[in-house]
Amino acid sequence: MIRKLSDIIPVPTAHGVGEKHVLVDSNESSCSITQIAVTDLKRGEVAVAHVHPDMQEGFYVLDGELNVILDGKETVCGKDTFVYVDRCTWHEMIALQDSRIMTIGCVVEASRNKLYPMLFKPNRKILVWGTEDWSVSGVDGNESVIENGTWANYRLNDVIRRHPAEILGKKTATDYHNNLPLLTKIIDAKQDLSIQVHPDNAMAEREHHKSGKSEMWYILDAKPGSFLYAGLKQQVTPEEYRQRVEDGTICDVLCKHYVSKGDVFYLPAGRIHAICGGIKLAEIQQSSNITYRIYDYNRPDLDGKPRALHTQLAAKAIDYTVYPEYRTESRNVSYTASELLNTPFFSVNVVETAFEHHRNMTKYDSFVILVNLEGDCSVRIRSTGDVVPLAAGASCLIPAAVADYYITPTSFSKDGIVQTTKVLEAFINNYKTIGRIISDFLRVK
């Protein structure tokens, strides 16, 4: 292959600045080279800071002068300077003069498909009633950013788009169009949250072109006398609902539950509810941010303005059925692992152990989100040996392709005794039998 630069039509760069003449691309290369190109940057143009977890790059300055920043270290590079950028290196280039550089990209095959337990950077929301930590999220505009390993500093959604089947599971990726279907949070309520409800899938699609929201609460801590609202305690018509919202008596018909550490509640879409002050809990839910506020105690938001209410939409979303029980009881599976919930939208187990405990979840063809409720531990992938620490309160996502792992407690008492660790496992259950589906439907209703 012989080509002249002048014969190649320039195209925009991936960063949207400058133009490049592609000499060889990945389709023409039989090795790990992704591209060889000559790039022209005008004075003042900036190839903004970015990182490649699976690619090495080389830049040879043919003409001009650039300020090159590698992991925060700046170097002025003139003609005949070669710059090597290893994978996972943050890099940025600023053209100090009109410049021309030759670029070579090469995939590190060993890292290209790297799958491991992913930890995430903090993603805290400060709200009028307290704080909400979005521990694992694929919600647009609120995506989690990976903190460790090959994909450090990448948004979770970007990595899933590269390897949807391997991360989400083949069936899960197909069913949810390559989107993460779950969202996990840690909610610390200093004051009462609004009385609210969430739409089901059909209504959410009709009104917002999004998925609905069913969720689960696991109480991490509760001050004495703390309570929450979940469900109706008496029959209410839509007309009576509207009247009670108007006169501020809606709480009078809600079922009040005094809670303590370890209590579990499943709240299917349509169930009216509210977390009240003094409660800290882990929340696992469908990946949706649709909430219809019904009543908010006439309080202003942090900006001093009234919070928006959605009483008319809520009236359409509410399930007005009165159920005999709203708390969730766990089914014992083994001494160390218990099933908390198995719904049409997600399943949740709790693992409690003072010893190394093996968990093979590959049969579910799903990612697994681990939420560490108490006691530090480590998570080790059986097939690769990769180990990550999981501190109490932290979460991680284990890709479906490597969802065969060991949980090992790493906290010790002052006397050197291993402390128990307790971890939630949230996943999509693609292994259900017809009989189990019917049983679970009756149980969660």
Protein backbone atom coordinates (compact mmCIF):
# COMPACT_ATOMS: atom_id res chain seq x y z
CA MET A 1 0.00 0.00 0.00
CA ILE A 2 1.39 3.37 -1.06
CA ARG A 3 -0.45 6.61 -0.45
CA LYS A 4 0.27 10.30 -0.87
CA LEU A 5 -0.91 12.64 1.85
CA SER A 6 -2.23 15.12 -0.68
CA ASP A 7 -4.53 12.45 -2.14
CA ILE A 8 -6.30 11.76 1.18
CA ILE A 9 -9.39 13.81 2.01
CA PRO A 10 -9.10 15.25 5.54
CA VAL A 11 -11.79 14.43 8.12
CA PRO A 12 -12.58 15.94 11.57
CA THR A 13 -10.80 14.41 14.54
CA ALA A 14 -12.69 12.46 17.22
CA HIS A 15 -12.24 15.46 19.56
CA GLY A 16 -13.86 17.89 17.14
CA VAL A 17 -10.74 20.06 16.74
CA GLY A 18 -8.37 20.04 13.81
CA GLU A 19 -8.41 17.75 10.78
CA LYS A 20 -6.68 14.49 10.09
CA HIS A 21 -5.55 12.54 7.04
CA VAL A 22 -6.04 8.86 7.83
CA LEU A 23 -3.20 6.84 6.30
CA VAL A 24 -4.26 3.46 7.72
CA ASP A 25 -7.35 2.58 9.78
CA SER A 26 -8.27 -0.48 11.85
CA ASN A 27 -10.12 -2.13 8.96
CA GLU A 28 -6.94 -2.12 6.88
CA SER A 29 -4.66 -3.29 9.67
CA SER A 30 -4.24 -6.96 10.51
CA CYS A 31 -2.61 -6.20 13.86
CA SER A 32 -3.55 -4.15 16.91
CA ILE A 33 -2.97 -0.79 15.20
CA THR A 34 -6.20 1.21 15.27
CA GLN A 35 -5.08 4.13 13.12
CA ILE A 36 -2.12 5.97 11.63
CA ALA A 37 -2.94 9.56 10.71
CA VAL A 38 -1.48 13.00 10.13
CA THR A 39 -3.36 15.65 12.12
CA ASP A 40 -3.32 19.42 11.62
CA LEU A 41 -4.10 21.74 14.54
CA LYS A 42 -4.41 25.49 14.25
CA ARG A 43 -2.89 27.77 16.85
CA GLY A 44 -5.03 27.82 20.00
CA GLU A 45 -6.92 24.60 19.24
CA VAL A 46 -7.10 22.13 22.13
CA ALA A 47 -7.49 18.36 22.06
CA VAL A 48 -9.17 18.27 25.48
CA ALA A 49 -8.02 15.94 28.26
CA HIS A 50 -9.08 12.33 27.81
CA VAL A 51 -7.94 8.80 28.59
CA HIS A 52 -7.90 5.45 26.77
CA PRO A 53 -8.07 2.37 29.01
CA ASP A 54 -7.35 -0.01 26.14
CA MET A 55 -5.07 1.91 23.78
CA GLN A 56 -1.55 3.28 23.58
CA GLU A 57 -0.77 6.27 21.37
CA GLY A 58 2.32 7.82 19.83
CA PHE A 59 2.59 11.40 18.53
CA TYR A 60 5.45 12.64 16.33
CA VAL A 61 5.57 16.41 15.82
CA LEU A 62 6.23 17.05 12.14
CA ASP A 63 5.93 20.82 12.39
CA GLY A 64 4.90 23.54 14.84
CA GLU A 65 4.84 23.58 18.65
CA LEU A 66 2.42 22.12 21.20
CA ASN A 67 1.94 22.10 24.94
CA VAL A 68 1.44 18.41 25.84
CA ILE A 69 -0.01 17.53 29.24
CA LEU A 70 0.40 13.94 30.49
CA ASP A 71 -1.31 13.18 33.82
CA GLY A 72 -1.00 16.84 34.77
CA LYS A 73 2.65 17.29 33.73
CA GLU A 74 3.16 19.91 30.99
CA THR A 75 5.87 19.78 28.32
CA VAL A 76 6.39 22.05 25.32
CA CYS A 77 7.08 19.86 22.30
CA GLY A 78 8.51 21.22 19.05
CA LYS A 79 9.41 19.73 15.66
CA ASP A 80 10.93 16.23 15.70
CA THR A 81 9.63 15.48 19.24
CA PHE A 82 8.05 12.08 19.88
CA VAL A 83 5.42 11.65 22.62
CA TYR A 84 4.38 8.23 23.93
CA VAL A 85 1.06 7.96 25.79
CA ASP A 86 0.47 4.73 27.71
CA ARG A 87 -3.04 3.40 28.33
CA CYS A 88 -4.94 4.96 31.25
CA THR A 89 -2.91 8.17 30.92
CA TRP A 90 -4.84 11.44 30.91
CA HIS A 91 -3.53 13.56 28.04
CA GLU A 92 -4.25 16.92 26.44
CA MET A 93 -2.63 18.89 23.61
CA ILE A 94 -2.73 22.64 23.05
CA ALA A 95 -1.40 24.01 19.76
CA LEU A 96 0.94 26.93 20.51
CA GLN A 97 1.49 27.38 16.76
CA ASP A 98 -0.11 25.90 13.66
CA SER A 99 1.08 22.32 14.02
CA ARG A 100 1.16 19.01 12.20
CA ILE A 101 1.61 15.71 14.01
CA MET A 102 1.64 12.05 13.05
CA THR A 103 -0.45 9.87 15.37
CA ILE A 104 -0.36 6.10 15.84
CA GLY A 105 -2.89 4.24 17.96
CA CYS A 106 -2.44 0.67 19.15
CA VAL A 107 -4.92 -1.42 21.15
CA VAL A 108 -3.60 -3.28 24.17
CA GLU A 109 -5.47 -6.51 23.49
CA ALA A 110 -5.00 -7.86 27.01
CA SER A 111 -6.85 -4.84 28.38
CA ARG A 112 -9.42 -4.28 25.66
CA ASN A 113 -11.99 -6.66 27.07
CA LYS A 114 -10.98 -6.39 30.71
CA LEU A 115 -13.86 -7.19 33.06
CA TYR A 116 -13.61 -6.88 36.82
CA PRO A 117 -15.60 -5.60 39.84
CA MET A 118 -16.10 -1.90 39.21
CA LEU A 119 -16.02 0.65 42.03
CA PHE A 120 -17.45 4.13 41.58
CA LYS A 121 -16.67 7.71 42.50
CA PRO A 122 -18.97 9.46 45.01
CA ASN A 123 -22.18 10.84 43.52
CA ARG A 124 -24.01 12.62 46.33
CA LYS A 125 -27.13 14.77 46.04
CA ILE A 126 -27.87 17.27 48.83
CA LEU A 127 -31.63 17.74 49.13
CA VAL A 128 -33.98 19.68 51.36
CA TRP A 129 -34.62 16.59 53.52
CA GLY A 130 -31.08 15.11 53.67
CA THR A 131 -28.66 13.33 51.32
CA GLU A 132 -28.95 10.77 48.59
CA ASP A 133 -25.89 8.87 47.33
CA TRP A 134 -26.38 7.39 43.86
CA SER A 135 -23.98 4.52 44.33
CA VAL A 136 -24.47 2.72 40.99
CA SER A 137 -26.33 4.64 38.29
CA GLY A 138 -26.85 4.59 34.55
CA VAL A 139 -29.47 7.38 34.60
CA ASP A 140 -28.66 9.97 31.93
CA GLY A 141 -27.04 13.02 33.47
CA ASN A 142 -26.36 11.16 36.71
CA GLU A 143 -24.16 8.30 35.48
CA SER A 144 -21.67 6.69 37.82
CA VAL A 145 -17.98 7.22 37.01
CA ILE A 146 -15.71 4.21 37.47
CA GLU A 147 -13.01 4.69 40.08
CA ASN A 148 -10.72 1.67 39.65
CA GLY A 149 -8.89 -0.46 37.11
CA THR A 150 -8.76 -0.38 33.33
CA TRP A 151 -11.87 1.74 32.97
CA ALA A 152 -11.03 4.30 35.67
CA ASN A 153 -12.54 7.74 34.97
CA TYR A 154 -14.92 6.34 32.34
CA ARG A 155 -18.66 6.75 32.70
CA LEU A 156 -20.32 3.43 33.36
CA ASN A 157 -22.68 3.85 30.40
CA ASP A 158 -19.76 4.32 28.01
CA VAL A 159 -18.17 1.07 29.12
CA ILE A 160 -21.47 -0.82 28.91
CA ARG A 161 -21.88 0.39 25.33
CA ARG A 162 -18.54 -1.21 24.48
CA HIS A 163 -19.37 -4.57 26.10
CA PRO A 164 -23.13 -4.78 26.70
CA ALA A 165 -23.52 -8.57 26.70
CA GLU A 166 -20.41 -9.19 28.79
CA ILE A 167 -21.34 -6.60 31.43
CA LEU A 168 -25.14 -6.74 31.55
CA GLY A 169 -25.60 -10.36 30.43
CA LYS A 170 -26.80 -11.39 26.98
CA LYS A 171 -30.51 -11.56 27.78
CA THR A 172 -30.41 -8.53 30.05
CA ALA A 173 -28.64 -6.49 27.36
CA THR A 174 -31.25 -7.53 24.79
CA ASP A 175 -34.25 -6.97 27.06
CA TYR A 176 -33.09 -3.54 28.24
CA HIS A 177 -31.57 -2.28 24.99
CA ASN A 178 -28.01 -2.22 26.36
CA ASN A 179 -28.99 -0.01 29.30
CA LEU A 180 -28.31 -0.70 32.98
CA PRO A 181 -31.79 -1.53 34.33
CA LEU A 182 -31.11 -0.92 38.04
CA LEU A 183 -30.19 2.05 40.20
CA THR A 184 -28.90 1.80 43.77
CA LYS A 185 -28.84 4.57 46.37
CA ILE A 186 -28.04 5.22 50.01
CA ILE A 187 -30.64 7.59 51.45
CA ASP A 188 -30.07 9.45 54.72
CA ALA A 189 -33.29 11.20 55.71
CA LYS A 190 -32.81 13.99 58.27
CA GLN A 191 -36.37 15.16 57.63
CA ASP A 192 -39.46 13.57 56.08
CA LEU A 193 -39.45 13.01 52.33
CA SER A 194 -42.52 14.01 50.36
CA ILE A 195 -45.55 11.74 50.14
CA GLN A 196 -45.06 10.30 46.67
CA VAL A 197 -45.71 7.55 44.16
CA HIS A 198 -44.03 6.22 41.02
CA PRO A 199 -45.66 5.16 37.74
CA ASP A 200 -45.51 1.63 36.35
CA ASN A 201 -43.81 0.82 33.04
CA ALA A 202 -46.93 1.40 30.95
CA MET A 203 -47.69 4.83 32.39
CA ALA A 204 -44.05 5.93 32.41
CA GLU A 205 -43.72 4.96 28.75
CA ARG A 206 -46.97 6.71 27.86
CA GLU A 207 -46.22 9.92 29.75
CA HIS A 208 -42.43 10.17 29.62
CA HIS A 209 -41.08 7.51 27.21
CA LYS A 210 -39.15 6.01 30.11
CA SER A 211 -39.36 2.96 32.35
CA GLY A 212 -41.44 2.85 35.51
CA LYS A 213 -40.11 2.61 39.02
CA SER A 214 -40.53 -0.19 41.52
CA GLU A 215 -38.10 -0.17 44.43
CA MET A 216 -36.92 -1.88 47.60
CA TRP A 217 -35.77 -0.43 50.91
CA TYR A 218 -33.37 -2.08 53.35
CA ILE A 219 -33.20 -0.16 56.65
CA LEU A 220 -29.57 0.48 57.64
CA ASP A 221 -30.28 2.53 60.73
CA ALA A 222 -33.28 4.15 62.42
CA LYS A 223 -33.56 6.41 65.41
CA PRO A 224 -35.95 5.26 68.13
CA GLY A 225 -39.54 5.93 67.10
CA SER A 226 -38.70 6.39 63.42
CA PHE A 227 -41.36 5.40 60.94
CA LEU A 228 -42.17 5.44 57.25
CA TYR A 229 -45.32 5.34 55.16
CA ALA A 230 -46.02 2.51 52.71
CA GLY A 231 -49.44 1.72 51.26
CA LEU A 232 -53.00 2.60 52.21
CA LYS A 233 -54.55 1.51 55.50
CA GLN A 234 -58.13 2.08 54.32
CA GLN A 235 -59.99 2.19 51.03
CA VAL A 236 -59.74 5.54 49.30
CA THR A 237 -61.35 6.64 46.04
CA PRO A 238 -59.56 8.92 43.58
CA GLU A 239 -62.02 11.67 44.55
CA GLU A 240 -61.27 11.29 48.27
CA TYR A 241 -57.53 11.23 47.47
CA ARG A 242 -57.80 14.62 45.75
CA GLN A 243 -59.76 16.09 48.65
CA ARG A 244 -57.27 14.83 51.23
CA VAL A 245 -54.35 16.24 49.26
CA GLU A 246 -56.12 19.59 49.13
CA ASP A 247 -56.89 19.72 52.86
CA GLY A 248 -53.56 18.20 53.98
CA THR A 249 -54.97 14.99 55.52
CA ILE A 250 -53.52 12.47 53.07
CA CYS A 251 -51.23 11.02 55.77
CA ASP A 252 -54.29 10.00 57.80
CA VAL A 253 -55.09 7.19 55.34
CA LEU A 254 -51.53 5.93 54.89
CA CYS A 255 -50.15 2.87 56.64
CA LYS A 256 -47.48 3.93 59.16
CA HIS A 257 -44.67 1.46 59.89
CA TYR A 258 -42.26 1.85 62.81
CA VAL A 259 -38.93 0.51 61.62
CA SER A 260 -35.62 -0.80 62.87
CA LYS A 261 -32.35 -1.92 61.34
CA GLY A 262 -32.77 -4.85 58.94
CA ASP A 263 -36.40 -4.20 57.98
CA VAL A 264 -37.20 -4.64 54.29
CA PHE A 265 -39.98 -3.08 52.21
CA TYR A 266 -40.82 -3.70 48.56
CA LEU A 267 -42.68 -0.84 46.91
CA PRO A 268 -44.08 -1.78 43.52
CA ALA A 269 -44.96 1.07 41.18
CA GLY A 270 -48.26 2.61 42.27
CA ARG A 271 -47.74 2.18 46.01
CA ILE A 272 -47.97 5.52 47.81
CA HIS A 273 -45.07 5.98 50.27
CA ALA A 274 -42.65 8.25 52.11
CA ILE A 275 -39.39 7.82 54.01
CA CYS A 276 -39.49 9.87 57.20
CA GLY A 277 -36.80 11.59 59.25
CA GLY A 278 -34.29 9.59 61.28
CA ILE A 279 -33.99 6.73 58.77
CA LYS A 280 -30.97 5.67 56.72
CA LEU A 281 -31.59 3.00 54.10
CA ALA A 282 -30.28 1.29 50.98
CA GLU A 283 -32.59 1.59 47.99
CA ILE A 284 -32.59 -0.70 44.97
CA GLN A 285 -34.89 0.33 42.15
CA GLN A 286 -35.58 0.23 38.47
CA SER A 287 -33.38 2.68 36.61
CA SER A 288 -35.82 5.56 36.54
CA ASN A 289 -35.92 9.02 38.06
CA ILE A 290 -39.67 9.60 37.77
CA THR A 291 -41.34 10.63 41.02
CA TYR A 292 -44.80 12.14 41.46
CA ARG A 293 -44.89 14.28 44.60
CA ILE A 294 -48.31 14.29 46.23
CA TYR A 295 -47.76 16.30 49.41
CA ASP A 296 -44.62 18.05 50.69
CA TYR A 297 -45.70 19.71 53.94
CA ASN A 298 -45.83 23.16 52.28
CA ARG A 299 -42.05 23.55 52.67
CA PRO A 300 -39.72 25.42 50.29
CA ASP A 301 -36.84 23.79 48.44
CA LEU A 302 -33.19 24.71 49.05
CA ASP A 303 -33.60 27.64 46.67
CA GLY A 304 -36.51 29.00 48.73
CA LYS A 305 -39.09 28.21 46.06
CA PRO A 306 -41.98 25.74 46.52
CA ARG A 307 -41.29 22.20 45.37
CA ALA A 308 -43.33 21.06 42.39
CA LEU A 309 -46.27 18.71 43.06
CA HIS A 310 -47.71 16.20 40.59
CA THR A 311 -51.07 15.37 42.17
CA GLN A 312 -52.98 14.76 38.93
CA LEU A 313 -50.39 12.35 37.49
CA ALA A 314 -50.15 10.69 40.90
CA ALA A 315 -53.92 10.11 40.93
CA LYS A 316 -53.53 8.04 37.75
CA ALA A 317 -50.48 6.16 39.06
CA ILE A 318 -51.74 5.14 42.53
CA ASP A 319 -52.76 1.56 43.26
CA TYR A 320 -55.78 2.14 45.51
CA THR A 321 -55.85 -1.47 46.74
CA VAL A 322 -55.44 -2.03 50.50
CA TYR A 323 -53.10 -4.94 51.18
CA PRO A 324 -52.90 -6.96 54.42
CA GLU A 325 -49.11 -6.62 54.72
CA TYR A 326 -46.52 -4.24 53.33
CA ARG A 327 -43.30 -5.45 54.95
CA THR A 328 -41.22 -8.04 53.12
CA GLU A 329 -40.13 -11.30 54.73
CA SER A 330 -36.99 -13.06 53.49
CA ARG A 331 -36.88 -16.68 52.42
CA ASN A 332 -33.91 -18.61 53.83
CA VAL A 333 -31.75 -20.23 51.16
CA SER A 334 -28.71 -21.16 53.23
CA TYR A 335 -26.98 -20.17 56.43
CA THR A 336 -25.05 -17.35 54.75
CA ALA A 337 -27.30 -16.33 51.84
CA SER A 338 -30.97 -15.41 51.97
CA GLU A 339 -33.34 -14.25 49.29
CA LEU A 340 -34.99 -10.96 50.15
CA LEU A 341 -36.90 -10.33 46.97
CA ASN A 342 -37.60 -11.87 43.58
CA THR A 343 -39.78 -9.59 41.46
CA PRO A 344 -40.49 -9.20 37.75
CA PHE A 345 -38.06 -6.24 37.74
CA PHE A 346 -35.12 -7.30 39.93
CA SER A 347 -34.03 -9.78 42.56
CA VAL A 348 -32.14 -9.17 45.80
CA ASN A 349 -30.23 -11.49 48.13
CA VAL A 350 -28.46 -10.73 51.38
CA VAL A 351 -25.17 -12.48 52.14
CA GLU A 352 -23.96 -12.47 55.74
CA THR A 353 -20.70 -14.24 56.54
CA ALA A 354 -17.66 -14.21 58.81
CA PHE A 355 -15.71 -16.46 56.42
CA GLU A 356 -14.76 -16.46 52.75
CA HIS A 357 -17.96 -17.27 50.88
CA HIS A 358 -18.25 -18.39 47.25
CA ARG A 359 -21.06 -16.97 45.11
CA ASN A 360 -21.62 -18.29 41.59
CA MET A 361 -24.29 -16.07 40.00
CA THR A 362 -23.47 -16.81 36.34
CA LYS A 363 -26.66 -18.84 35.79
CA TYR A 364 -28.73 -15.64 36.02
CA ASP A 365 -27.06 -14.14 32.91
CA SER A 366 -26.95 -10.80 34.71
CA PHE A 367 -24.60 -8.28 36.25
CA VAL A 368 -24.59 -8.21 40.05
CA ILE A 369 -24.52 -5.02 42.11
CA LEU A 370 -23.07 -5.54 45.57
CA VAL A 371 -24.05 -3.07 48.30
CA ASN A 372 -21.98 -3.53 51.45
CA LEU A 373 -24.29 -2.96 54.41
CA GLU A 374 -21.75 -3.54 57.19
CA GLY A 375 -18.23 -4.84 57.76
CA ASP A 376 -15.41 -4.29 55.25
CA CYS A 377 -14.78 -7.11 52.80
CA SER A 378 -12.98 -7.96 49.58
CA VAL A 379 -14.44 -9.35 46.37
CA ARG A 380 -12.32 -11.78 44.32
CA ILE A 381 -13.25 -12.98 40.83
CA ARG A 382 -12.76 -16.73 40.56
CA SER A 383 -11.72 -16.83 36.89
CA THR A 384 -9.26 -13.92 36.85
CA GLY A 385 -8.14 -13.57 40.46
CA ASP A 386 -8.93 -9.84 40.40
CA VAL A 387 -9.56 -8.52 43.91
CA VAL A 388 -11.19 -5.25 44.97
CA PRO A 389 -11.82 -3.93 48.48
CA LEU A 390 -15.43 -3.15 49.34
CA ALA A 391 -15.71 -0.94 52.41
CA ALA A 392 -18.88 -0.79 54.49
CA GLY A 393 -21.28 1.56 52.70
CA ALA A 394 -19.64 1.09 49.30
CA SER A 395 -21.03 -0.59 46.19
CA CYS A 396 -19.57 -2.33 43.16
CA LEU A 397 -20.81 -3.81 39.91
CA ILE A 398 -19.68 -7.27 38.85
CA PRO A 399 -20.05 -7.91 35.09
CA ALA A 400 -22.19 -10.89 34.11
CA ALA A 401 -19.30 -12.64 32.37
CA VAL A 402 -17.32 -12.87 35.63
CA ALA A 403 -20.17 -13.15 38.17
CA ASP A 404 -18.49 -16.06 39.96
CA TYR A 405 -16.75 -14.60 42.99
CA TYR A 406 -15.71 -14.85 46.63
CA ILE A 407 -16.73 -12.45 49.39
CA THR A 408 -14.18 -12.32 52.22
CA PRO A 409 -14.59 -10.28 55.44
CA THR A 410 -11.62 -8.02 56.15
CA SER A 411 -12.67 -6.20 59.35
CA PHE A 412 -11.30 -7.30 62.72
CA SER A 413 -12.22 -6.52 66.31
CA LYS A 414 -9.68 -5.16 68.78
CA ASP A 415 -9.14 -8.76 69.85
CA GLY A 416 -8.30 -9.81 66.30
CA ILE A 417 -11.60 -11.59 65.66
CA VAL A 418 -12.97 -11.43 62.11
CA GLN A 419 -16.10 -9.28 61.94
CA THR A 420 -19.15 -10.38 59.96
CA THR A 421 -19.80 -8.66 56.66
CA LYS A 422 -23.31 -8.22 55.24
CA VAL A 423 -23.80 -7.54 51.54
CA LEU A 424 -26.83 -7.10 49.29
CA GLU A 425 -26.75 -8.71 45.82
CA ALA A 426 -29.03 -7.04 43.26
CA PHE A 427 -29.47 -8.57 39.80
CA ILE A 428 -31.90 -9.46 37.03
CA ASN A 429 -33.16 -13.01 37.43
CA ASN A 430 -33.17 -14.62 33.98
CA TYR A 431 -33.32 -18.11 35.51
CA LYS A 432 -36.90 -18.20 36.74
CA THR A 433 -39.16 -21.19 36.11
CA ILE A 434 -42.83 -20.68 35.28
CA GLY A 435 -43.82 -21.94 38.74
CA ARG A 436 -41.43 -19.53 40.42
CA ILE A 437 -42.69 -16.58 38.39
CA ILE A 438 -46.26 -17.28 39.56
CA SER A 439 -45.12 -17.73 43.16
CA ASP A 440 -43.14 -14.48 43.13
CA PHE A 441 -46.01 -12.56 41.55
CA LEU A 442 -48.38 -13.62 44.29
CA ARG A 443 -45.79 -12.92 46.97
CA VAL A 444 -44.84 -9.37 45.95
CA LYS A 445 -48.42 -8.23 45.29
